[in-house]
Structure formats: structure tokens, C-alpha cells
Amino acid sequence: MISPSKYDVEIEAIDEQIEVLVRKQRELSQARAEELCPYGVGDIIVNTRNGKNTKITAIKPSSWQDFKLVGADQKKDGTFGANRELWWY
């Protein structure tokens, strides 16, 4: 067990501030990704790898490009498969 210290209150306050800033950064990164993406969630695009229709299910922030897309290829019966990151859009 960690012994109490006179610095604990200040450390907890800083930890809470960090959590608030990290949450705000995530929200802004998500908003930026959605703003820069030319597609919207629910849009259908053609998969250039296999020619199948792919439904965009999520737009996510990325550290090395403006955004990442998550989507599912349309099956022959019209349903959509499992979600996965798209690297080919």
C-alpha cells in the first residue's frame, strides 16, 4: 500500500486535468477526421481491390493520415460482412 503524502491532492488534480485534456483531444481528432473525410458513415463505395461494394461503418482519426475508414464488403446475398479497416480507398 502506498503511504499518503501531502502531494496526493495536487497529483490527483493534475491527473483529472490530464483526463479532461485527453478526452477533449480525442473529440477534436474525431471531429477533424469526419470533417476531412469525403465519405460519410453509411456511404457505399467500390472496393478497388475486389470490385465489391463496401459500406463505410466508421471514420476514425489517424496519426499518419487525415483519417481511417472502417467498412464491410457486401456479400452476394446483399448482407455485409465483418467490419475491418480499409487501406485502399
N, C-alpha and C. Protein backbone atom coordinates (compact mmCIF):
# COMPACT_ATOMS: atom_id res chain seq x y z
N MET A 1 0.84 -1.18 0.00
CA MET A 1 0.00 0.00 0.00
C MET A 1 0.89 1.24 0.00
N ILE A 2 0.48 2.23 -0.75
CA ILE A 2 1.23 3.48 -0.84
C ILE A 2 0.86 4.37 0.34
N SER A 3 1.86 4.93 0.96
CA SER A 3 1.62 5.82 2.09
C SER A 3 1.08 7.15 1.60
N PRO A 4 0.17 7.79 2.36
CA PRO A 4 -0.36 9.09 1.97
C PRO A 4 0.74 10.16 2.01
N SER A 5 0.58 11.16 1.16
CA SER A 5 1.55 12.24 1.08
C SER A 5 0.81 13.56 0.95
N LYS A 6 1.49 14.63 1.30
CA LYS A 6 0.89 15.96 1.17
C LYS A 6 0.72 16.35 -0.30
N TYR A 7 1.36 15.61 -1.21
CA TYR A 7 1.28 15.92 -2.64
C TYR A 7 0.13 15.18 -3.35
N ASP A 8 -0.51 14.25 -2.65
CA ASP A 8 -1.54 13.42 -3.27
C ASP A 8 -2.68 14.24 -3.87
N VAL A 9 -3.15 15.25 -3.18
CA VAL A 9 -4.27 16.06 -3.67
C VAL A 9 -3.89 16.77 -4.96
N GLU A 10 -2.70 17.33 -4.99
CA GLU A 10 -2.25 18.03 -6.20
C GLU A 10 -2.05 17.06 -7.36
N ILE A 11 -1.50 15.89 -7.07
CA ILE A 11 -1.31 14.88 -8.10
C ILE A 11 -2.66 14.45 -8.68
N GLU A 12 -3.64 14.21 -7.81
CA GLU A 12 -4.98 13.83 -8.27
C GLU A 12 -5.60 14.92 -9.14
N ALA A 13 -5.42 16.17 -8.76
CA ALA A 13 -5.97 17.28 -9.54
C ALA A 13 -5.34 17.33 -10.93
N ILE A 14 -4.03 17.13 -11.00
CA ILE A 14 -3.34 17.13 -12.30
C ILE A 14 -3.79 15.94 -13.14
N ASP A 15 -3.95 14.76 -12.51
CA ASP A 15 -4.43 13.59 -13.24
C ASP A 15 -5.82 13.84 -13.84
N GLU A 16 -6.69 14.50 -13.09
CA GLU A 16 -8.03 14.82 -13.60
C GLU A 16 -7.94 15.80 -14.76
N GLN A 17 -7.05 16.78 -14.68
CA GLN A 17 -6.88 17.74 -15.78
C GLN A 17 -6.37 17.02 -17.03
N ILE A 18 -5.45 16.08 -16.84
CA ILE A 18 -4.93 15.31 -17.97
C ILE A 18 -6.05 14.52 -18.63
N GLU A 19 -6.89 13.87 -17.82
CA GLU A 19 -8.01 13.09 -18.37
C GLU A 19 -8.95 13.97 -19.18
N VAL A 20 -9.23 15.17 -18.69
CA VAL A 20 -10.11 16.10 -19.41
C VAL A 20 -9.47 16.50 -20.73
N LEU A 21 -8.18 16.81 -20.72
CA LEU A 21 -7.49 17.21 -21.95
C LEU A 21 -7.41 16.07 -22.96
N VAL A 22 -7.15 14.87 -22.50
CA VAL A 22 -7.08 13.71 -23.40
C VAL A 22 -8.46 13.46 -24.03
N ARG A 23 -9.52 13.56 -23.23
CA ARG A 23 -10.87 13.38 -23.75
C ARG A 23 -11.18 14.44 -24.81
N LYS A 24 -10.82 15.69 -24.53
CA LYS A 24 -11.05 16.78 -25.49
C LYS A 24 -10.25 16.56 -26.76
N GLN A 25 -9.00 16.09 -26.63
CA GLN A 25 -8.17 15.82 -27.80
C GLN A 25 -8.79 14.72 -28.66
N ARG A 26 -9.32 13.67 -28.04
CA ARG A 26 -9.98 12.59 -28.79
C ARG A 26 -11.19 13.12 -29.56
N GLU A 27 -11.99 13.96 -28.89
CA GLU A 27 -13.17 14.53 -29.53
C GLU A 27 -12.78 15.39 -30.73
N LEU A 28 -11.75 16.22 -30.57
CA LEU A 28 -11.31 17.09 -31.66
C LEU A 28 -10.70 16.28 -32.80
N SER A 29 -9.94 15.25 -32.48
CA SER A 29 -9.36 14.39 -33.51
C SER A 29 -10.45 13.68 -34.31
N GLN A 30 -11.49 13.22 -33.63
CA GLN A 30 -12.60 12.57 -34.31
C GLN A 30 -13.34 13.56 -35.20
N ALA A 31 -13.59 14.76 -34.70
CA ALA A 31 -14.27 15.78 -35.50
C ALA A 31 -13.45 16.16 -36.72
N ARG A 32 -12.13 16.24 -36.56
CA ARG A 32 -11.23 16.57 -37.68
C ARG A 32 -11.29 15.47 -38.74
N ALA A 33 -11.23 14.22 -38.32
CA ALA A 33 -11.29 13.10 -39.26
C ALA A 33 -12.59 13.11 -40.05
N GLU A 34 -13.70 13.34 -39.36
CA GLU A 34 -15.00 13.38 -40.03
C GLU A 34 -15.10 14.56 -40.99
N GLU A 35 -14.51 15.69 -40.62
CA GLU A 35 -14.54 16.87 -41.48
C GLU A 35 -13.72 16.66 -42.75
N LEU A 36 -12.56 16.03 -42.64
CA LEU A 36 -11.66 15.87 -43.78
C LEU A 36 -12.02 14.69 -44.69
N CYS A 37 -12.82 13.77 -44.19
CA CYS A 37 -13.18 12.58 -44.97
C CYS A 37 -14.24 12.94 -46.01
N PRO A 38 -14.02 12.55 -47.27
CA PRO A 38 -15.02 12.85 -48.29
C PRO A 38 -16.24 11.92 -48.24
N TYR A 39 -16.20 10.91 -47.40
CA TYR A 39 -17.29 9.95 -47.27
C TYR A 39 -18.00 10.15 -45.93
N GLY A 40 -19.16 9.57 -45.81
CA GLY A 40 -19.89 9.59 -44.55
C GLY A 40 -20.20 8.17 -44.12
N VAL A 41 -20.50 8.00 -42.85
CA VAL A 41 -20.89 6.68 -42.35
C VAL A 41 -22.18 6.29 -43.06
N GLY A 42 -22.20 5.08 -43.59
CA GLY A 42 -23.36 4.60 -44.33
C GLY A 42 -23.18 4.69 -45.84
N ASP A 43 -22.20 5.46 -46.30
CA ASP A 43 -21.93 5.56 -47.74
C ASP A 43 -21.43 4.22 -48.27
N ILE A 44 -21.77 3.94 -49.52
CA ILE A 44 -21.30 2.74 -50.20
C ILE A 44 -20.26 3.18 -51.23
N ILE A 45 -19.07 2.58 -51.16
CA ILE A 45 -18.02 2.86 -52.14
C ILE A 45 -17.57 1.53 -52.75
N VAL A 46 -16.91 1.60 -53.89
CA VAL A 46 -16.44 0.38 -54.56
C VAL A 46 -15.04 0.06 -54.07
N ASN A 47 -14.86 -1.17 -53.63
CA ASN A 47 -13.56 -1.66 -53.19
C ASN A 47 -12.68 -1.85 -54.42
N THR A 48 -11.61 -1.10 -54.52
CA THR A 48 -10.75 -1.17 -55.70
C THR A 48 -9.94 -2.46 -55.74
N ARG A 49 -9.85 -3.18 -54.62
CA ARG A 49 -9.13 -4.45 -54.60
C ARG A 49 -9.93 -5.58 -55.22
N ASN A 50 -11.23 -5.63 -54.90
CA ASN A 50 -12.02 -6.79 -55.35
C ASN A 50 -13.29 -6.41 -56.11
N GLY A 51 -13.55 -5.13 -56.29
CA GLY A 51 -14.71 -4.67 -57.04
C GLY A 51 -16.03 -4.76 -56.30
N LYS A 52 -16.01 -5.18 -55.03
CA LYS A 52 -17.25 -5.30 -54.25
C LYS A 52 -17.65 -3.93 -53.70
N ASN A 53 -18.95 -3.79 -53.47
CA ASN A 53 -19.43 -2.61 -52.77
C ASN A 53 -19.04 -2.74 -51.30
N THR A 54 -18.61 -1.64 -50.71
CA THR A 54 -18.21 -1.62 -49.31
C THR A 54 -18.94 -0.50 -48.61
N LYS A 55 -19.57 -0.82 -47.48
CA LYS A 55 -20.30 0.17 -46.70
C LYS A 55 -19.38 0.74 -45.62
N ILE A 56 -19.27 2.07 -45.57
CA ILE A 56 -18.46 2.73 -44.54
C ILE A 56 -19.23 2.65 -43.22
N THR A 57 -18.60 2.07 -42.21
CA THR A 57 -19.25 1.91 -40.90
C THR A 57 -18.66 2.83 -39.84
N ALA A 58 -17.47 3.37 -40.08
CA ALA A 58 -16.86 4.29 -39.11
C ALA A 58 -15.76 5.09 -39.79
N ILE A 59 -15.58 6.30 -39.30
CA ILE A 59 -14.47 7.16 -39.70
C ILE A 59 -13.69 7.43 -38.42
N LYS A 60 -12.39 7.14 -38.46
CA LYS A 60 -11.57 7.28 -37.26
C LYS A 60 -10.38 8.19 -37.51
N PRO A 61 -9.90 8.85 -36.46
CA PRO A 61 -8.68 9.65 -36.61
C PRO A 61 -7.47 8.75 -36.84
N SER A 62 -6.46 9.31 -37.49
CA SER A 62 -5.24 8.58 -37.77
C SER A 62 -4.05 9.48 -37.48
N SER A 63 -2.98 8.89 -36.98
CA SER A 63 -1.79 9.69 -36.67
C SER A 63 -0.92 9.93 -37.89
N TRP A 64 -1.10 9.17 -38.97
CA TRP A 64 -0.22 9.31 -40.13
C TRP A 64 -0.95 9.72 -41.41
N GLN A 65 -2.27 9.88 -41.34
CA GLN A 65 -3.03 10.41 -42.47
C GLN A 65 -4.23 11.16 -41.89
N ASP A 66 -5.03 11.77 -42.75
CA ASP A 66 -6.14 12.58 -42.25
C ASP A 66 -7.20 11.77 -41.53
N PHE A 67 -7.45 10.55 -41.98
CA PHE A 67 -8.50 9.72 -41.38
C PHE A 67 -8.28 8.26 -41.76
N LYS A 68 -8.95 7.35 -41.03
CA LYS A 68 -9.00 5.93 -41.37
C LYS A 68 -10.46 5.58 -41.60
N LEU A 69 -10.72 4.69 -42.53
CA LEU A 69 -12.08 4.21 -42.76
C LEU A 69 -12.21 2.78 -42.26
N VAL A 70 -13.38 2.49 -41.73
CA VAL A 70 -13.74 1.13 -41.35
C VAL A 70 -14.97 0.79 -42.17
N GLY A 71 -14.97 -0.40 -42.77
CA GLY A 71 -16.10 -0.77 -43.61
C GLY A 71 -16.30 -2.26 -43.70
N ALA A 72 -17.36 -2.63 -44.39
CA ALA A 72 -17.70 -4.04 -44.58
C ALA A 72 -18.08 -4.26 -46.03
N ASP A 73 -17.50 -5.30 -46.65
CA ASP A 73 -17.83 -5.64 -48.03
C ASP A 73 -19.22 -6.26 -48.10
N GLN A 74 -19.92 -5.96 -49.20
CA GLN A 74 -21.24 -6.54 -49.42
C GLN A 74 -21.09 -7.95 -49.96
N LYS A 75 -21.85 -8.88 -49.36
CA LYS A 75 -21.82 -10.27 -49.80
C LYS A 75 -22.79 -10.46 -50.97
N LYS A 76 -22.74 -11.63 -51.58
CA LYS A 76 -23.62 -11.95 -52.71
C LYS A 76 -25.09 -11.89 -52.33
N ASP A 77 -25.41 -12.23 -51.07
CA ASP A 77 -26.82 -12.22 -50.65
C ASP A 77 -27.30 -10.82 -50.25
N GLY A 78 -26.44 -9.81 -50.39
CA GLY A 78 -26.83 -8.43 -50.09
C GLY A 78 -26.50 -7.97 -48.69
N THR A 79 -26.14 -8.89 -47.81
CA THR A 79 -25.75 -8.50 -46.45
C THR A 79 -24.29 -8.05 -46.47
N PHE A 80 -23.86 -7.49 -45.35
CA PHE A 80 -22.49 -7.01 -45.25
C PHE A 80 -21.70 -7.89 -44.29
N GLY A 81 -20.44 -8.10 -44.62
CA GLY A 81 -19.55 -8.93 -43.81
C GLY A 81 -19.03 -8.19 -42.58
N ALA A 82 -17.95 -8.71 -42.05
CA ALA A 82 -17.34 -8.16 -40.84
C ALA A 82 -16.68 -6.81 -41.13
N ASN A 83 -16.68 -5.95 -40.13
CA ASN A 83 -16.01 -4.66 -40.24
C ASN A 83 -14.50 -4.84 -40.19
N ARG A 84 -13.81 -4.03 -40.98
CA ARG A 84 -12.34 -4.04 -40.96
C ARG A 84 -11.85 -2.69 -41.47
N GLU A 85 -10.60 -2.37 -41.13
CA GLU A 85 -10.02 -1.13 -41.63
C GLU A 85 -9.80 -1.24 -43.13
N LEU A 86 -10.06 -0.16 -43.82
CA LEU A 86 -9.89 -0.12 -45.26
C LEU A 86 -8.60 0.60 -45.59
N TRP A 87 -7.78 0.00 -46.42
CA TRP A 87 -6.48 0.58 -46.78
C TRP A 87 -6.42 1.01 -48.23
N TRP A 88 -7.48 0.87 -48.97
CA TRP A 88 -7.42 1.01 -50.41
C TRP A 88 -8.26 2.13 -50.96
N TYR A 89 -8.94 2.93 -50.18
CA TYR A 89 -9.89 3.92 -50.68
C TYR A 89 -9.23 5.03 -51.46
